[in-house]
Amino acid sequence: MTISRFAILALAAGLAGCASLSPIAAVRLAAFDPLAADPAGIAVAVKTSERLHVGDGNVILRLALAADDPALAFDETFRLAVSGVSAGSAFPDRIEQGEHVRIATVREADRARLAAAQAKARAARETGNKGKGTLSVSVTGGCRTGPIDGQQTRLGTYMRTEREGAFFALTRGTRLAEAIGADKVAAIPECESAG
């Protein structure tokens, strides 16, 4: 199959699991060309309990291409920078009491590497090379500032593909116990300091 669009895999799991895409996300991602997006404009938002924290490097963006021509193949992983910056009016869902949203962006130092991967994939597409492209988002690691109930604590992941664009849901309201397994919820470490 000629590369015309990247297959989108949204692995939205709080610490290591997966969940299915929301219908809106499937439509938005189908129209999203990851090969043309400005690396500085791509962002991922994680909405969950205030007691569950993801930090720098806990949100991961992966862009890969398995091309017929090995010279065009690549598999790049980016550990995103996480901040407490508000998503503001660009966030599509209500943030309930006891919840917070963390925003993760491609680090400035990684943007040239992401742009180079995009250029490689565009070159493969233009030469008619066959292959499979993958864009995935995952959440791993993290810590807690208090007790976490894996059945009550929910996790949502969102994406923005333009710097001033609105976020759209990848996954919404997944129970933490379903995302990572009930046994792993109890193993989430306490944060060294809140924040």
C-alpha atoms as a PDB file:
ATOM      1  CA  MET A   1       0.000   0.000   0.000  1.00  0.00           C
ATOM      2  CA  THR A   2       1.399   3.389  -0.964  1.00  0.00           C
ATOM      3  CA  ILE A   3       1.862   5.773   1.942  1.00  0.00           C
ATOM      4  CA  SER A   4      -0.927   8.314   1.710  1.00  0.00           C
ATOM      5  CA  ARG A   5      -1.810   8.667   5.379  1.00  0.00           C
ATOM      6  CA  PHE A   6      -0.214   7.350   8.515  1.00  0.00           C
ATOM      7  CA  ALA A   7      -2.115   4.751  10.474  1.00  0.00           C
ATOM      8  CA  ILE A   8      -3.045   6.332  13.773  1.00  0.00           C
ATOM      9  CA  LEU A   9      -2.764   4.293  16.936  1.00  0.00           C
ATOM     10  CA  ALA A  10      -3.786   6.140  20.062  1.00  0.00           C
ATOM     11  CA  LEU A  11      -2.467   4.194  22.990  1.00  0.00           C
ATOM     12  CA  ALA A  12      -3.918   6.104  25.838  1.00  0.00           C
ATOM     13  CA  ALA A  13      -3.159   4.379  28.980  1.00  0.00           C
ATOM     14  CA  GLY A  14      -2.276   5.766  32.221  1.00  0.00           C
ATOM     15  CA  LEU A  15       1.048   4.213  32.815  1.00  0.00           C
ATOM     16  CA  ALA A  16       0.980   1.486  30.206  1.00  0.00           C
ATOM     17  CA  GLY A  17      -2.130   0.092  28.628  1.00  0.00           C
ATOM     18  CA  CYS A  18      -4.381   0.895  25.764  1.00  0.00           C
ATOM     19  CA  ALA A  19      -7.879   2.061  24.970  1.00  0.00           C
ATOM     20  CA  SER A  20      -9.876   2.583  21.823  1.00  0.00           C
ATOM     21  CA  LEU A  21     -10.221   5.869  19.981  1.00  0.00           C
ATOM     22  CA  SER A  22     -13.285   8.014  20.437  1.00  0.00           C
ATOM     23  CA  PRO A  23     -15.378   8.357  17.224  1.00  0.00           C
ATOM     24  CA  ILE A  24     -14.588  12.085  16.988  1.00  0.00           C
ATOM     25  CA  ALA A  25     -10.874  11.353  17.365  1.00  0.00           C
ATOM     26  CA  ALA A  26     -11.027   8.823  14.535  1.00  0.00           C
ATOM     27  CA  VAL A  27     -12.557  11.463  12.243  1.00  0.00           C
ATOM     28  CA  ARG A  28     -10.147  14.217  13.312  1.00  0.00           C
ATOM     29  CA  LEU A  29      -7.115  11.958  13.012  1.00  0.00           C
ATOM     30  CA  ALA A  30      -8.205  10.702   9.600  1.00  0.00           C
ATOM     31  CA  ALA A  31      -7.997  14.313   8.374  1.00  0.00           C
ATOM     32  CA  PHE A  32      -4.714  14.974  10.207  1.00  0.00           C
ATOM     33  CA  ASP A  33      -1.534  14.630   8.177  1.00  0.00           C
ATOM     34  CA  PRO A  34       1.264  14.091  10.722  1.00  0.00           C
ATOM     35  CA  LEU A  35       3.793  14.655   7.961  1.00  0.00           C
ATOM     36  CA  ALA A  36       2.689  18.272   7.503  1.00  0.00           C
ATOM     37  CA  ALA A  37       2.090  19.287  11.138  1.00  0.00           C
ATOM     38  CA  ASP A  38       4.420  21.818  12.745  1.00  0.00           C
ATOM     39  CA  PRO A  39       6.241  19.948  15.569  1.00  0.00           C
ATOM     40  CA  ALA A  40       5.873  23.038  17.762  1.00  0.00           C
ATOM     41  CA  GLY A  41       2.084  22.881  17.415  1.00  0.00           C
ATOM     42  CA  ILE A  42       1.533  19.242  18.366  1.00  0.00           C
ATOM     43  CA  ALA A  43       0.450  18.716  21.976  1.00  0.00           C
ATOM     44  CA  VAL A  44      -1.118  15.982  24.082  1.00  0.00           C
ATOM     45  CA  ALA A  45      -3.300  16.639  27.132  1.00  0.00           C
ATOM     46  CA  VAL A  46      -3.889  14.147  29.936  1.00  0.00           C
ATOM     47  CA  LYS A  47      -6.946  14.613  32.162  1.00  0.00           C
ATOM     48  CA  THR A  48      -7.163  12.654  35.401  1.00  0.00           C
ATOM     49  CA  SER A  49      -7.385  12.895  39.190  1.00  0.00           C
ATOM     50  CA  GLU A  50      -5.421  15.665  40.877  1.00  0.00           C
ATOM     51  CA  ARG A  51      -3.813  12.871  42.887  1.00  0.00           C
ATOM     52  CA  LEU A  52      -2.327  11.259  39.787  1.00  0.00           C
ATOM     53  CA  HIS A  53       0.577  13.137  38.214  1.00  0.00           C
ATOM     54  CA  VAL A  54       2.374  12.656  34.935  1.00  0.00           C
ATOM     55  CA  GLY A  55       5.641  14.514  34.555  1.00  0.00           C
ATOM     56  CA  ASP A  56       8.321  15.226  31.989  1.00  0.00           C
ATOM     57  CA  GLY A  57       8.930  12.175  29.848  1.00  0.00           C
ATOM     58  CA  ASN A  58       5.796  10.304  30.980  1.00  0.00           C
ATOM     59  CA  VAL A  59       3.896  11.188  27.783  1.00  0.00           C
ATOM     60  CA  ILE A  60       5.430   9.601  24.701  1.00  0.00           C
ATOM     61  CA  LEU A  61       4.881  10.350  21.013  1.00  0.00           C
ATOM     62  CA  ARG A  62       6.121   7.776  18.504  1.00  0.00           C
ATOM     63  CA  LEU A  63       6.387   8.296  14.745  1.00  0.00           C
ATOM     64  CA  ALA A  64       7.549   5.296  12.728  1.00  0.00           C
ATOM     65  CA  LEU A  65       7.682   4.097   9.147  1.00  0.00           C
ATOM     66  CA  ALA A  66       8.290   0.539   7.990  1.00  0.00           C
ATOM     67  CA  ALA A  67       9.195   1.292   4.340  1.00  0.00           C
ATOM     68  CA  ASP A  68      10.198  -1.012   1.491  1.00  0.00           C
ATOM     69  CA  ASP A  69      13.402   0.978   1.169  1.00  0.00           C
ATOM     70  CA  PRO A  70      15.385   0.554   4.431  1.00  0.00           C
ATOM     71  CA  ALA A  71      17.016   3.947   3.833  1.00  0.00           C
ATOM     72  CA  LEU A  72      13.618   5.592   4.271  1.00  0.00           C
ATOM     73  CA  ALA A  73      12.496   3.563   7.298  1.00  0.00           C
ATOM     74  CA  PHE A  74      12.638   5.070  10.777  1.00  0.00           C
ATOM     75  CA  ASP A  75      11.234   4.655  14.289  1.00  0.00           C
ATOM     76  CA  GLU A  76      11.461   7.800  16.408  1.00  0.00           C
ATOM     77  CA  THR A  77      10.256   8.165  19.990  1.00  0.00           C
ATOM     78  CA  PHE A  78       9.796  11.531  21.697  1.00  0.00           C
ATOM     79  CA  ARG A  79       9.403  11.904  25.460  1.00  0.00           C
ATOM     80  CA  LEU A  80       7.290  15.037  25.726  1.00  0.00           C
ATOM     81  CA  ALA A  81       7.774  17.949  28.094  1.00  0.00           C
ATOM     82  CA  VAL A  82       4.866  18.145  30.543  1.00  0.00           C
ATOM     83  CA  SER A  83       3.664  21.383  32.099  1.00  0.00           C
ATOM     84  CA  GLY A  84       0.840  22.528  34.300  1.00  0.00           C
ATOM     85  CA  VAL A  85      -0.209  25.053  31.672  1.00  0.00           C
ATOM     86  CA  SER A  86      -3.987  25.240  31.268  1.00  0.00           C
ATOM     87  CA  ALA A  87      -5.602  24.094  28.041  1.00  0.00           C
ATOM     88  CA  GLY A  88      -8.095  26.941  28.512  1.00  0.00           C
ATOM     89  CA  SER A  89     -11.041  27.261  26.162  1.00  0.00           C
ATOM     90  CA  ALA A  90      -9.266  24.964  23.682  1.00  0.00           C
ATOM     91  CA  PHE A  91     -10.094  22.005  25.948  1.00  0.00           C
ATOM     92  CA  PRO A  92     -13.309  20.220  24.884  1.00  0.00           C
ATOM     93  CA  ASP A  93     -14.439  18.643  28.168  1.00  0.00           C
ATOM     94  CA  ARG A  94     -15.432  19.884  31.585  1.00  0.00           C
ATOM     95  CA  ILE A  95     -12.761  19.519  34.234  1.00  0.00           C
ATOM     96  CA  GLU A  96     -14.527  18.235  37.330  1.00  0.00           C
ATOM     97  CA  GLN A  97     -13.613  19.061  40.912  1.00  0.00           C
ATOM     98  CA  GLY A  98     -10.676  16.883  41.916  1.00  0.00           C
ATOM     99  CA  GLU A  99      -9.376  16.593  38.329  1.00  0.00           C
ATOM    100  CA  HIS A 100      -6.587  18.338  36.486  1.00  0.00           C
ATOM    101  CA  VAL A 101      -5.121  18.476  32.990  1.00  0.00           C
ATOM    102  CA  ARG A 102      -1.447  18.243  32.118  1.00  0.00           C
ATOM    103  CA  ILE A 103      -0.241  19.452  28.709  1.00  0.00           C
ATOM    104  CA  ALA A 104       2.696  17.754  26.967  1.00  0.00           C
ATOM    105  CA  THR A 105       4.563  19.220  23.985  1.00  0.00           C
ATOM    106  CA  VAL A 106       7.500  18.224  21.810  1.00  0.00           C
ATOM    107  CA  ARG A 107      10.658  19.561  23.424  1.00  0.00           C
ATOM    108  CA  GLU A 108      12.385  22.304  21.460  1.00  0.00           C
ATOM    109  CA  ALA A 109      15.516  20.130  21.296  1.00  0.00           C
ATOM    110  CA  ASP A 110      13.484  17.318  19.641  1.00  0.00           C
ATOM    111  CA  ARG A 111      11.601  19.376  17.055  1.00  0.00           C
ATOM    112  CA  ALA A 112      14.321  19.171  14.387  1.00  0.00           C
ATOM    113  CA  ARG A 113      14.452  15.372  14.804  1.00  0.00           C
ATOM    114  CA  LEU A 114      10.661  15.161  14.429  1.00  0.00           C
ATOM    115  CA  ALA A 115      10.782  17.437  11.360  1.00  0.00           C
ATOM    116  CA  ALA A 116      13.510  15.213   9.850  1.00  0.00           C
ATOM    117  CA  ALA A 117      11.357  12.101  10.397  1.00  0.00           C
ATOM    118  CA  GLN A 118       8.421  13.875   8.752  1.00  0.00           C
ATOM    119  CA  ALA A 119      10.619  14.791   5.770  1.00  0.00           C
ATOM    120  CA  LYS A 120      11.798  11.188   5.431  1.00  0.00           C
ATOM    121  CA  ALA A 121       8.206   9.947   5.417  1.00  0.00           C
ATOM    122  CA  ARG A 122       7.217  12.575   2.838  1.00  0.00           C
ATOM    123  CA  ALA A 123      10.113  11.427   0.642  1.00  0.00           C
ATOM    124  CA  ALA A 124       8.887   7.842   0.907  1.00  0.00           C
ATOM    125  CA  ARG A 125       5.383   8.942  -0.029  1.00  0.00           C
ATOM    126  CA  GLU A 126       6.592  10.988  -3.010  1.00  0.00           C
ATOM    127  CA  THR A 127       8.670   8.122  -4.417  1.00  0.00           C
ATOM    128  CA  GLY A 128       5.725   5.725  -4.172  1.00  0.00           C
ATOM    129  CA  ASN A 129       7.483   3.549  -1.611  1.00  0.00           C
ATOM    130  CA  LYS A 130       5.181   1.102   0.087  1.00  0.00           C
ATOM    131  CA  GLY A 131       5.122   0.840   3.840  1.00  0.00           C
ATOM    132  CA  LYS A 132       3.171   1.328   7.010  1.00  0.00           C
ATOM    133  CA  GLY A 133       3.348   4.504   9.045  1.00  0.00           C
ATOM    134  CA  THR A 134       2.437   4.723  12.707  1.00  0.00           C
ATOM    135  CA  LEU A 135       1.742   7.619  15.031  1.00  0.00           C
ATOM    136  CA  SER A 136       1.112   6.642  18.631  1.00  0.00           C
ATOM    137  CA  VAL A 137       0.618   8.418  21.929  1.00  0.00           C
ATOM    138  CA  SER A 138       1.211   6.650  25.227  1.00  0.00           C
ATOM    139  CA  VAL A 139       1.376   7.604  28.876  1.00  0.00           C
ATOM    140  CA  THR A 140       3.795   5.726  31.114  1.00  0.00           C
ATOM    141  CA  GLY A 141       5.100   6.253  34.594  1.00  0.00           C
ATOM    142  CA  GLY A 142       3.724   8.906  36.891  1.00  0.00           C
ATOM    143  CA  CYS A 143       3.162   9.133  40.608  1.00  0.00           C
ATOM    144  CA  ARG A 144       0.395   9.816  43.145  1.00  0.00           C
ATOM    145  CA  THR A 145      -0.063  12.376  45.897  1.00  0.00           C
ATOM    146  CA  GLY A 146      -2.688  10.374  47.783  1.00  0.00           C
ATOM    147  CA  PRO A 147      -4.775   7.189  47.644  1.00  0.00           C
ATOM    148  CA  ILE A 148      -5.968   6.216  44.156  1.00  0.00           C
ATOM    149  CA  ASP A 149      -9.105   4.163  43.575  1.00  0.00           C
ATOM    150  CA  GLY A 150      -8.547   2.395  40.270  1.00  0.00           C
ATOM    151  CA  GLN A 151     -12.295   1.949  39.678  1.00  0.00           C
ATOM    152  CA  GLN A 152     -13.170   5.595  40.373  1.00  0.00           C
ATOM    153  CA  THR A 153     -10.116   7.326  38.920  1.00  0.00           C
ATOM    154  CA  ARG A 154     -10.542   8.027  35.230  1.00  0.00           C
ATOM    155  CA  LEU A 155      -8.048   8.925  32.567  1.00  0.00           C
ATOM    156  CA  GLY A 156      -8.589  10.848  29.332  1.00  0.00           C
ATOM    157  CA  THR A 157      -6.131  11.717  26.587  1.00  0.00           C
ATOM    158  CA  TYR A 158      -6.490  14.511  24.046  1.00  0.00           C
ATOM    159  CA  MET A 159      -4.473  15.849  21.132  1.00  0.00           C
ATOM    160  CA  ARG A 160      -3.931  19.180  19.438  1.00  0.00           C
ATOM    161  CA  THR A 161      -2.334  19.310  16.005  1.00  0.00           C
ATOM    162  CA  GLU A 162      -1.894  23.099  15.692  1.00  0.00           C
ATOM    163  CA  ARG A 163      -0.418  25.583  18.151  1.00  0.00           C
ATOM    164  CA  GLU A 164      -3.656  27.585  18.462  1.00  0.00           C
ATOM    165  CA  GLY A 165      -5.957  24.660  17.663  1.00  0.00           C
ATOM    166  CA  ALA A 166      -8.478  23.006  19.946  1.00  0.00           C
ATOM    167  CA  PHE A 167      -7.827  19.694  21.668  1.00  0.00           C
ATOM    168  CA  PHE A 168      -9.930  16.689  20.672  1.00  0.00           C
ATOM    169  CA  ALA A 169     -10.402  13.531  22.704  1.00  0.00           C
ATOM    170  CA  LEU A 170      -8.432  10.416  21.866  1.00  0.00           C
ATOM    171  CA  THR A 171      -9.876   8.483  24.801  1.00  0.00           C
ATOM    172  CA  ARG A 172     -12.286   9.618  27.469  1.00  0.00           C
ATOM    173  CA  GLY A 173     -13.116   8.414  30.938  1.00  0.00           C
ATOM    174  CA  THR A 174     -11.189   5.146  30.912  1.00  0.00           C
ATOM    175  CA  ARG A 175     -11.050   3.609  34.399  1.00  0.00           C
ATOM    176  CA  LEU A 176      -7.452   3.486  35.567  1.00  0.00           C
ATOM    177  CA  ALA A 177      -7.832  -0.142  36.687  1.00  0.00           C
ATOM    178  CA  GLU A 178      -8.944  -1.084  33.168  1.00  0.00           C
ATOM    179  CA  ALA A 179      -6.108   0.858  31.550  1.00  0.00           C
ATOM    180  CA  ILE A 180      -3.236  -0.583  33.555  1.00  0.00           C
ATOM    181  CA  GLY A 181      -4.666  -3.413  35.664  1.00  0.00           C
ATOM    182  CA  ALA A 182      -5.898  -3.228  39.250  1.00  0.00           C
ATOM    183  CA  ASP A 183      -2.650  -4.688  40.619  1.00  0.00           C
ATOM    184  CA  LYS A 184      -0.600  -1.935  38.994  1.00  0.00           C
ATOM    185  CA  VAL A 185      -2.756   0.841  40.450  1.00  0.00           C
ATOM    186  CA  ALA A 186      -1.578  -0.115  43.936  1.00  0.00           C
ATOM    187  CA  ALA A 187       2.023  -0.055  42.704  1.00  0.00           C
ATOM    188  CA  ILE A 188       1.928   3.585  41.547  1.00  0.00           C
ATOM    189  CA  PRO A 189       4.622   5.287  43.631  1.00  0.00           C
ATOM    190  CA  GLU A 190       4.071   8.318  45.794  1.00  0.00           C
ATOM    191  CA  CYS A 191       5.359  11.589  44.370  1.00  0.00           C
ATOM    192  CA  GLU A 192       8.472  12.974  46.009  1.00  0.00           C
ATOM    193  CA  SER A 193       6.696  16.333  46.064  1.00  0.00           C
ATOM    194  CA  ALA A 194       3.260  17.467  44.939  1.00  0.00           C
ATOM    195  CA  GLY A 195       2.982  19.511  41.811  1.00  0.00           C
END
